[in-house]
Amino acid sequence: MAISKDKKQQLVADLNELLSDAKMTVFAKYQGLTVAEMQELRAAARENDVKIKIVKNRLVRVAMGEIAVYKDTDTSALEGQLLYAVSHEDEVAPAQVLAKFAKDHAALELKGAFSGDGKALNEQDVVALSKLPSKEQLIGQVVDMLLSPVNDVTNALSGNLHALLDGIAHKATN
């Protein structure tokens, strides 16, 4: 069924808004996924603050052409039936969500991505991104590394105090 010109313009405007604020947009072929599997993917995406959109590639190209950052981005990889996973919060979340889902569902095939600064990424780059820790995990690792010396000093002092108290208690009983 053909989409009216007004509907297309609204879709392009929505895409324009979505892509303008995106930190990362990953796209993948989804042909062969069932409706239930798509619902499962959308649920997994929602849990990670990732939006899944299925629109015609031509409309995506039009929307990207209207955004200054994406104006010169290579869109030659946008072929076939694609879904787009977009995140406004985390650069690696869309890649992680789709890669994790693709492990269990062979019908989903990662094809590429667009970074928030307009760079086109290929499939290998997306797979590499999916293996990176999330932003929250990285923050946790940094905090853990920063607190490690403090914990070591606290444990050392605590051990010495226990030994001192044990020594005093032993002298007091003799």
Protein backbone atom coordinates (compact mmCIF):
# COMPACT_ATOMS: atom_id res chain seq x y z
CA MET A 1 0.00 0.00 0.00
CA ALA A 2 1.40 3.39 -1.00
CA ILE A 3 2.09 5.99 1.65
CA SER A 4 0.70 9.47 1.10
CA LYS A 5 3.06 12.40 0.60
CA ASP A 6 1.96 13.94 3.91
CA LYS A 7 2.66 10.68 5.75
CA LYS A 8 6.12 10.48 4.13
CA GLN A 9 6.89 14.06 5.14
CA GLN A 10 5.81 13.27 8.71
CA LEU A 11 8.01 10.13 8.74
CA VAL A 12 10.99 12.14 7.46
CA ALA A 13 10.39 14.80 10.13
CA ASP A 14 10.21 12.11 12.83
CA LEU A 15 13.39 10.47 11.52
CA ASN A 16 15.08 13.85 11.36
CA GLU A 17 14.33 14.42 15.05
CA LEU A 18 15.35 10.88 16.00
CA LEU A 19 18.65 10.93 14.10
CA SER A 20 19.59 14.49 15.09
CA ASP A 21 19.92 13.54 18.77
CA ALA A 22 21.26 10.01 18.22
CA LYS A 23 24.64 9.03 19.64
CA MET A 24 24.59 5.85 17.54
CA THR A 25 22.31 4.36 14.90
CA VAL A 26 22.85 0.69 14.02
CA PHE A 27 21.05 -0.95 11.12
CA ALA A 28 20.45 -4.63 10.42
CA LYS A 29 18.59 -6.89 8.02
CA TYR A 30 15.61 -8.47 9.70
CA GLN A 31 13.99 -10.47 6.90
CA GLY A 32 12.76 -13.78 8.30
CA LEU A 33 12.02 -12.64 11.85
CA THR A 34 8.54 -13.49 13.10
CA VAL A 35 6.24 -10.95 14.74
CA ALA A 36 6.89 -12.57 18.13
CA GLU A 37 10.66 -12.29 17.62
CA MET A 38 10.30 -8.62 16.63
CA GLN A 39 8.30 -8.00 19.81
CA GLU A 40 11.04 -9.73 21.80
CA LEU A 41 13.67 -7.52 20.13
CA ARG A 42 11.67 -4.36 20.79
CA ALA A 43 11.27 -5.35 24.47
CA ALA A 44 15.02 -5.94 24.82
CA ALA A 45 15.68 -2.61 23.14
CA ARG A 46 13.28 -0.74 25.45
CA GLU A 47 15.10 -2.14 28.50
CA ASN A 48 18.31 -0.55 27.19
CA ASP A 49 16.79 2.80 26.13
CA VAL A 50 17.15 1.90 22.45
CA LYS A 51 14.46 2.71 19.89
CA ILE A 52 13.76 0.34 17.00
CA LYS A 53 12.42 1.86 13.78
CA ILE A 54 11.50 0.16 10.52
CA VAL A 55 11.23 2.62 7.64
CA LYS A 56 12.12 2.72 3.98
CA ASN A 57 15.81 3.32 3.33
CA ARG A 58 14.98 6.13 0.91
CA LEU A 59 13.22 8.03 3.69
CA VAL A 60 16.23 7.54 5.96
CA ARG A 61 18.48 8.93 3.22
CA VAL A 62 16.20 11.96 2.82
CA ALA A 63 16.19 12.58 6.59
CA MET A 64 19.97 12.21 6.78
CA GLY A 65 20.37 14.66 3.90
CA GLU A 66 18.52 17.28 5.93
CA ILE A 67 20.81 16.90 8.97
CA ALA A 68 24.12 18.79 8.70
CA VAL A 69 26.14 16.07 10.46
CA TYR A 70 24.91 13.32 8.13
CA LYS A 71 24.80 15.34 4.89
CA ASP A 72 28.02 13.81 3.47
CA THR A 73 27.71 10.38 5.11
CA ASP A 74 27.98 7.36 2.82
CA THR A 75 24.58 5.62 2.75
CA SER A 76 25.42 2.97 0.14
CA ALA A 77 25.05 0.19 2.75
CA LEU A 78 21.34 0.96 3.16
CA GLU A 79 20.00 -1.86 0.99
CA GLY A 80 17.21 -4.36 1.56
CA GLN A 81 14.79 -4.58 4.45
CA LEU A 82 16.52 -2.86 7.36
CA LEU A 83 15.61 -1.99 10.90
CA TYR A 84 17.28 0.87 12.70
CA ALA A 85 18.28 0.81 16.37
CA VAL A 86 18.87 4.28 17.80
CA SER A 87 20.16 5.41 21.18
CA HIS A 88 20.30 8.94 22.57
CA GLU A 89 22.07 7.85 25.77
CA ASP A 90 24.74 5.24 25.03
CA GLU A 91 26.96 4.82 21.98
CA VAL A 92 27.28 1.05 22.26
CA ALA A 93 23.78 0.08 23.44
CA PRO A 94 22.21 -0.33 19.96
CA ALA A 95 25.09 -2.52 18.80
CA GLN A 96 24.94 -4.60 21.98
CA VAL A 97 21.17 -5.11 21.80
CA LEU A 98 21.19 -6.18 18.15
CA ALA A 99 24.34 -8.34 18.46
CA LYS A 100 22.96 -10.15 21.50
CA PHE A 101 19.65 -10.77 19.72
CA ALA A 102 21.44 -11.89 16.53
CA LYS A 103 23.29 -14.63 18.48
CA ASP A 104 19.99 -16.43 19.07
CA HIS A 105 18.22 -15.39 15.85
CA ALA A 106 20.10 -16.04 12.62
CA ALA A 107 17.54 -14.02 10.63
CA LEU A 108 18.90 -10.77 12.14
CA GLU A 109 22.09 -9.71 10.38
CA LEU A 110 24.07 -6.62 11.41
CA LYS A 111 24.96 -4.45 8.42
CA GLY A 112 26.47 -1.20 9.73
CA ALA A 113 25.97 1.96 11.74
CA PHE A 114 26.16 5.73 11.79
CA SER A 115 27.90 7.44 14.69
CA GLY A 116 26.57 10.61 16.24
CA ASP A 117 29.22 12.63 14.42
CA GLY A 118 28.15 11.34 10.99
CA LYS A 119 30.72 8.61 10.43
CA ALA A 120 29.55 5.44 8.64
CA LEU A 121 30.67 2.20 10.31
CA ASN A 122 30.80 -1.22 8.68
CA GLU A 123 29.63 -4.56 10.06
CA GLN A 124 33.00 -5.38 11.66
CA ASP A 125 33.01 -2.04 13.48
CA VAL A 126 29.52 -2.71 14.83
CA VAL A 127 30.53 -6.17 16.07
CA ALA A 128 33.58 -4.63 17.79
CA LEU A 129 31.35 -1.98 19.39
CA SER A 130 28.96 -4.62 20.66
CA LYS A 131 31.79 -6.24 22.62
CA LEU A 132 32.66 -3.04 24.50
CA PRO A 133 31.36 -2.55 28.04
CA SER A 134 28.41 -0.22 28.43
CA LYS A 135 28.81 3.32 29.75
CA GLU A 136 27.58 2.28 33.21
CA GLN A 137 30.03 -0.65 33.31
CA LEU A 138 32.93 1.64 32.36
CA ILE A 139 31.96 4.15 35.05
CA GLY A 140 31.80 1.32 37.59
CA GLN A 141 35.25 0.08 36.57
CA VAL A 142 36.75 3.56 36.91
CA VAL A 143 35.16 4.08 40.33
CA ASP A 144 36.42 0.66 41.43
CA MET A 145 39.95 1.53 40.29
CA LEU A 146 39.82 4.88 42.07
CA LEU A 147 38.59 3.31 45.31
CA SER A 148 41.06 0.42 45.23
CA PRO A 149 43.94 2.29 46.96
CA VAL A 150 41.54 3.62 49.60
CA ASN A 151 40.27 0.10 50.30
CA ASP A 152 43.83 -1.26 50.44
CA VAL A 153 44.91 1.39 52.98
CA THR A 154 41.78 0.83 55.07
CA ASN A 155 42.34 -2.93 55.12
CA ALA A 156 46.03 -2.53 56.03
CA LEU A 157 45.27 -0.12 58.88
CA SER A 158 42.44 -2.27 60.10
CA GLY A 159 44.72 -5.33 60.19
CA ASN A 160 47.42 -3.45 62.11
CA LEU A 161 44.90 -2.13 64.62
CA HIS A 162 43.57 -5.65 65.24
CA ALA A 163 47.13 -6.92 65.80
CA LEU A 164 47.85 -4.02 68.19
CA LEU A 165 44.64 -4.65 70.14
CA ASP A 166 45.37 -8.37 70.30
CA GLY A 167 48.87 -7.61 71.61
CA ILE A 168 47.53 -5.25 74.28
CA ALA A 169 44.87 -7.79 75.31
CA HIS A 170 47.54 -10.50 75.53
CA LYS A 171 49.81 -8.26 77.73
CA ALA A 172 46.85 -7.38 79.94
CA THR A 173 46.06 -11.03 80.65
CA ASN A 174 49.67 -11.93 81.51
